[in-house]
Amino acid sequence: MISNSPVIAPSMLKCDFGNLHREIELLETADAQVLHWDVMDGHFVPNLSYGALLIERVRSLTSMVFDAHLMISHPEKYIDDYIKAGCDSITVHIEAVPDPTEILNHLNQSGVIPGLAISPKTPLSAVEPY
């Protein structure tokens, strides 16, 4: 899993999806330990990326740690899809859930490392209770 030492987690957002298997092989050769998935839905953030199905398909190509950053509206509706896809850690935005306690507990109980992100304009005090 992830060590306590700093880890570089290349974002899959910038990879060549036409040569995805080769991109992953290059990252493995470079000793990358974690693949970072920036998941965007076109609602919570204006951009659109990939979803759980792609991550699930790629899971079979590597044993590297999968870190998903869900920049999506209503992550509670989709969180089980990302757990099933094989994500080892999942981060949700505090702005996307009324109370993140339930979703963070669900991730913990599912054996997934939970994370809580804040948007740049959100005060740090919003995450202090968690």
C-alpha atoms as a PDB file:
ATOM      1  CA  MET A   1       0.000   0.000   0.000  1.00  0.00           C
ATOM      2  CA  ILE A   2       1.111   3.598   0.413  1.00  0.00           C
ATOM      3  CA  SER A   3       4.086   4.285   2.697  1.00  0.00           C
ATOM      4  CA  ASN A   4       4.467   7.183   5.099  1.00  0.00           C
ATOM      5  CA  SER A   5       7.206   8.608   2.871  1.00  0.00           C
ATOM      6  CA  PRO A   6       6.348  11.174   0.199  1.00  0.00           C
ATOM      7  CA  VAL A   7       5.049   9.518  -2.954  1.00  0.00           C
ATOM      8  CA  ILE A   8       4.845  10.868  -6.497  1.00  0.00           C
ATOM      9  CA  ALA A   9       1.480   9.904  -7.978  1.00  0.00           C
ATOM     10  CA  PRO A  10       1.366  10.564 -11.738  1.00  0.00           C
ATOM     11  CA  SER A  11      -2.031  11.756 -12.921  1.00  0.00           C
ATOM     12  CA  MET A  12      -3.626   9.524 -15.523  1.00  0.00           C
ATOM     13  CA  LEU A  13      -5.361  12.605 -16.906  1.00  0.00           C
ATOM     14  CA  LYS A  14      -2.306  13.384 -19.027  1.00  0.00           C
ATOM     15  CA  CYS A  15      -1.652   9.879 -20.358  1.00  0.00           C
ATOM     16  CA  ASP A  16      -2.071   8.740 -23.962  1.00  0.00           C
ATOM     17  CA  PHE A  17      -5.310   6.758 -23.801  1.00  0.00           C
ATOM     18  CA  GLY A  18      -4.587   5.288 -27.219  1.00  0.00           C
ATOM     19  CA  ASN A  19      -1.563   3.555 -25.669  1.00  0.00           C
ATOM     20  CA  LEU A  20      -2.762   3.119 -22.109  1.00  0.00           C
ATOM     21  CA  HIS A  21      -1.077  -0.222 -21.472  1.00  0.00           C
ATOM     22  CA  ARG A  22       2.257   1.162 -22.689  1.00  0.00           C
ATOM     23  CA  GLU A  23       1.855   4.304 -20.557  1.00  0.00           C
ATOM     24  CA  ILE A  24       1.351   2.159 -17.457  1.00  0.00           C
ATOM     25  CA  GLU A  25       4.366   0.014 -18.342  1.00  0.00           C
ATOM     26  CA  LEU A  26       6.493   3.174 -18.609  1.00  0.00           C
ATOM     27  CA  LEU A  27       5.293   4.356 -15.206  1.00  0.00           C
ATOM     28  CA  GLU A  28       6.030   0.960 -13.675  1.00  0.00           C
ATOM     29  CA  THR A  29       9.517   1.010 -15.220  1.00  0.00           C
ATOM     30  CA  ALA A  30      10.030   4.439 -13.635  1.00  0.00           C
ATOM     31  CA  ASP A  31       9.085   2.893 -10.251  1.00  0.00           C
ATOM     32  CA  ALA A  32       5.829   4.824  -9.892  1.00  0.00           C
ATOM     33  CA  GLN A  33       3.877   3.352  -6.986  1.00  0.00           C
ATOM     34  CA  VAL A  34       0.587   5.192  -7.303  1.00  0.00           C
ATOM     35  CA  LEU A  35      -1.653   6.141 -10.231  1.00  0.00           C
ATOM     36  CA  HIS A  36      -3.768   9.230  -9.566  1.00  0.00           C
ATOM     37  CA  TRP A  37      -7.174   9.350 -11.242  1.00  0.00           C
ATOM     38  CA  ASP A  38      -8.712  12.849 -11.573  1.00  0.00           C
ATOM     39  CA  VAL A  39     -12.400  12.026 -11.998  1.00  0.00           C
ATOM     40  CA  MET A  40     -14.462  14.979 -13.266  1.00  0.00           C
ATOM     41  CA  ASP A  41     -18.158  14.939 -14.153  1.00  0.00           C
ATOM     42  CA  GLY A  42     -18.692  18.216 -16.025  1.00  0.00           C
ATOM     43  CA  HIS A  43     -20.988  19.418 -13.198  1.00  0.00           C
ATOM     44  CA  PHE A  44     -19.000  19.782  -9.983  1.00  0.00           C
ATOM     45  CA  VAL A  45     -16.139  21.029 -12.146  1.00  0.00           C
ATOM     46  CA  PRO A  46     -16.502  22.172 -15.761  1.00  0.00           C
ATOM     47  CA  ASN A  47     -14.228  19.491 -17.225  1.00  0.00           C
ATOM     48  CA  LEU A  48     -15.157  15.900 -18.004  1.00  0.00           C
ATOM     49  CA  SER A  49     -12.767  12.970 -17.684  1.00  0.00           C
ATOM     50  CA  TYR A  50     -13.274   9.244 -17.137  1.00  0.00           C
ATOM     51  CA  GLY A  51     -15.358   7.147 -14.806  1.00  0.00           C
ATOM     52  CA  ALA A  52     -15.293   3.986 -12.750  1.00  0.00           C
ATOM     53  CA  LEU A  53     -15.635   1.650 -15.738  1.00  0.00           C
ATOM     54  CA  LEU A  54     -12.337   2.774 -17.281  1.00  0.00           C
ATOM     55  CA  ILE A  55     -10.582   2.558 -13.919  1.00  0.00           C
ATOM     56  CA  GLU A  56     -11.977  -0.947 -13.412  1.00  0.00           C
ATOM     57  CA  ARG A  57     -10.676  -2.055 -16.823  1.00  0.00           C
ATOM     58  CA  VAL A  58      -7.223  -0.590 -16.161  1.00  0.00           C
ATOM     59  CA  ARG A  59      -7.083  -2.227 -12.721  1.00  0.00           C
ATOM     60  CA  SER A  60      -6.296  -5.563 -14.404  1.00  0.00           C
ATOM     61  CA  LEU A  61      -3.201  -4.075 -16.082  1.00  0.00           C
ATOM     62  CA  THR A  62      -1.220  -3.221 -12.948  1.00  0.00           C
ATOM     63  CA  SER A  63      -0.865  -3.798  -9.236  1.00  0.00           C
ATOM     64  CA  MET A  64       0.042  -0.158  -8.547  1.00  0.00           C
ATOM     65  CA  VAL A  65      -2.009   1.724  -5.974  1.00  0.00           C
ATOM     66  CA  PHE A  66      -5.024   3.519  -7.477  1.00  0.00           C
ATOM     67  CA  ASP A  67      -5.809   6.915  -5.940  1.00  0.00           C
ATOM     68  CA  ALA A  68      -9.100   8.436  -7.140  1.00  0.00           C
ATOM     69  CA  HIS A  69      -9.858  12.137  -6.661  1.00  0.00           C
ATOM     70  CA  LEU A  70     -13.604  12.484  -7.232  1.00  0.00           C
ATOM     71  CA  MET A  71     -14.439  15.971  -8.434  1.00  0.00           C
ATOM     72  CA  ILE A  72     -18.062  15.008  -8.953  1.00  0.00           C
ATOM     73  CA  SER A  73     -21.498  16.008  -7.704  1.00  0.00           C
ATOM     74  CA  HIS A  74     -23.196  13.542  -5.348  1.00  0.00           C
ATOM     75  CA  PRO A  75     -20.219  11.209  -4.872  1.00  0.00           C
ATOM     76  CA  GLU A  76     -22.296   9.114  -2.466  1.00  0.00           C
ATOM     77  CA  LYS A  77     -24.298   7.852  -5.477  1.00  0.00           C
ATOM     78  CA  TYR A  78     -21.176   6.545  -7.223  1.00  0.00           C
ATOM     79  CA  ILE A  79     -18.726   5.705  -4.449  1.00  0.00           C
ATOM     80  CA  ASP A  80     -19.421   1.961  -4.593  1.00  0.00           C
ATOM     81  CA  ASP A  81     -18.588   1.955  -8.315  1.00  0.00           C
ATOM     82  CA  TYR A  82     -15.112   3.291  -7.519  1.00  0.00           C
ATOM     83  CA  ILE A  83     -14.655   0.838  -4.663  1.00  0.00           C
ATOM     84  CA  LYS A  84     -15.661  -2.001  -7.014  1.00  0.00           C
ATOM     85  CA  ALA A  85     -13.299  -0.616  -9.678  1.00  0.00           C
ATOM     86  CA  GLY A  86     -10.401  -1.326  -7.335  1.00  0.00           C
ATOM     87  CA  CYS A  87      -9.455   2.111  -6.045  1.00  0.00           C
ATOM     88  CA  ASP A  88      -7.198   1.869  -2.999  1.00  0.00           C
ATOM     89  CA  SER A  89      -7.823   5.445  -1.873  1.00  0.00           C
ATOM     90  CA  ILE A  90     -10.702   7.750  -2.733  1.00  0.00           C
ATOM     91  CA  THR A  91     -10.903  11.472  -2.043  1.00  0.00           C
ATOM     92  CA  VAL A  92     -14.205  13.372  -2.169  1.00  0.00           C
ATOM     93  CA  HIS A  93     -14.803  17.107  -1.942  1.00  0.00           C
ATOM     94  CA  ILE A  94     -16.426  18.489   1.170  1.00  0.00           C
ATOM     95  CA  GLU A  95     -18.409  20.876  -1.060  1.00  0.00           C
ATOM     96  CA  ALA A  96     -20.035  17.886  -2.828  1.00  0.00           C
ATOM     97  CA  VAL A  97     -21.529  16.240   0.270  1.00  0.00           C
ATOM     98  CA  PRO A  98     -23.669  17.812   3.001  1.00  0.00           C
ATOM     99  CA  ASP A  99     -21.911  15.772   5.720  1.00  0.00           C
ATOM    100  CA  PRO A 100     -18.885  13.708   4.673  1.00  0.00           C
ATOM    101  CA  THR A 101     -18.906  11.555   7.828  1.00  0.00           C
ATOM    102  CA  GLU A 102     -21.032   8.775   6.330  1.00  0.00           C
ATOM    103  CA  ILE A 103     -19.084   8.498   3.083  1.00  0.00           C
ATOM    104  CA  LEU A 104     -15.710   8.605   4.892  1.00  0.00           C
ATOM    105  CA  ASN A 105     -16.869   5.861   7.275  1.00  0.00           C
ATOM    106  CA  HIS A 106     -18.142   3.787   4.346  1.00  0.00           C
ATOM    107  CA  LEU A 107     -14.756   4.049   2.629  1.00  0.00           C
ATOM    108  CA  ASN A 108     -12.980   3.005   5.836  1.00  0.00           C
ATOM    109  CA  GLN A 109     -15.315   0.042   6.323  1.00  0.00           C
ATOM    110  CA  SER A 110     -14.712  -0.985   2.701  1.00  0.00           C
ATOM    111  CA  GLY A 111     -10.949  -1.076   3.225  1.00  0.00           C
ATOM    112  CA  VAL A 112     -10.373   2.040   1.131  1.00  0.00           C
ATOM    113  CA  ILE A 113      -8.236   4.928   2.377  1.00  0.00           C
ATOM    114  CA  PRO A 114     -10.587   7.939   2.599  1.00  0.00           C
ATOM    115  CA  GLY A 115      -9.614  11.460   1.684  1.00  0.00           C
ATOM    116  CA  LEU A 116     -11.365  14.793   1.983  1.00  0.00           C
ATOM    117  CA  ALA A 117     -10.506  17.638  -0.391  1.00  0.00           C
ATOM    118  CA  ILE A 118     -11.487  21.279  -0.375  1.00  0.00           C
ATOM    119  CA  SER A 119     -11.765  23.690  -3.268  1.00  0.00           C
ATOM    120  CA  PRO A 120      -9.438  26.715  -3.228  1.00  0.00           C
ATOM    121  CA  LYS A 121     -12.150  29.134  -2.069  1.00  0.00           C
ATOM    122  CA  THR A 122     -13.333  26.910   0.792  1.00  0.00           C
ATOM    123  CA  PRO A 123     -11.847  27.829   4.181  1.00  0.00           C
ATOM    124  CA  LEU A 124      -9.647  25.219   5.822  1.00  0.00           C
ATOM    125  CA  SER A 125     -11.945  25.335   8.846  1.00  0.00           C
ATOM    126  CA  ALA A 126     -14.548  23.406   6.800  1.00  0.00           C
ATOM    127  CA  VAL A 127     -12.517  20.191   7.123  1.00  0.00           C
ATOM    128  CA  GLU A 128     -11.234  20.657  10.680  1.00  0.00           C
ATOM    129  CA  PRO A 129     -14.026  18.533  12.248  1.00  0.00           C
ATOM    130  CA  TYR A 130     -12.925  15.552  10.164  1.00  0.00           C
END
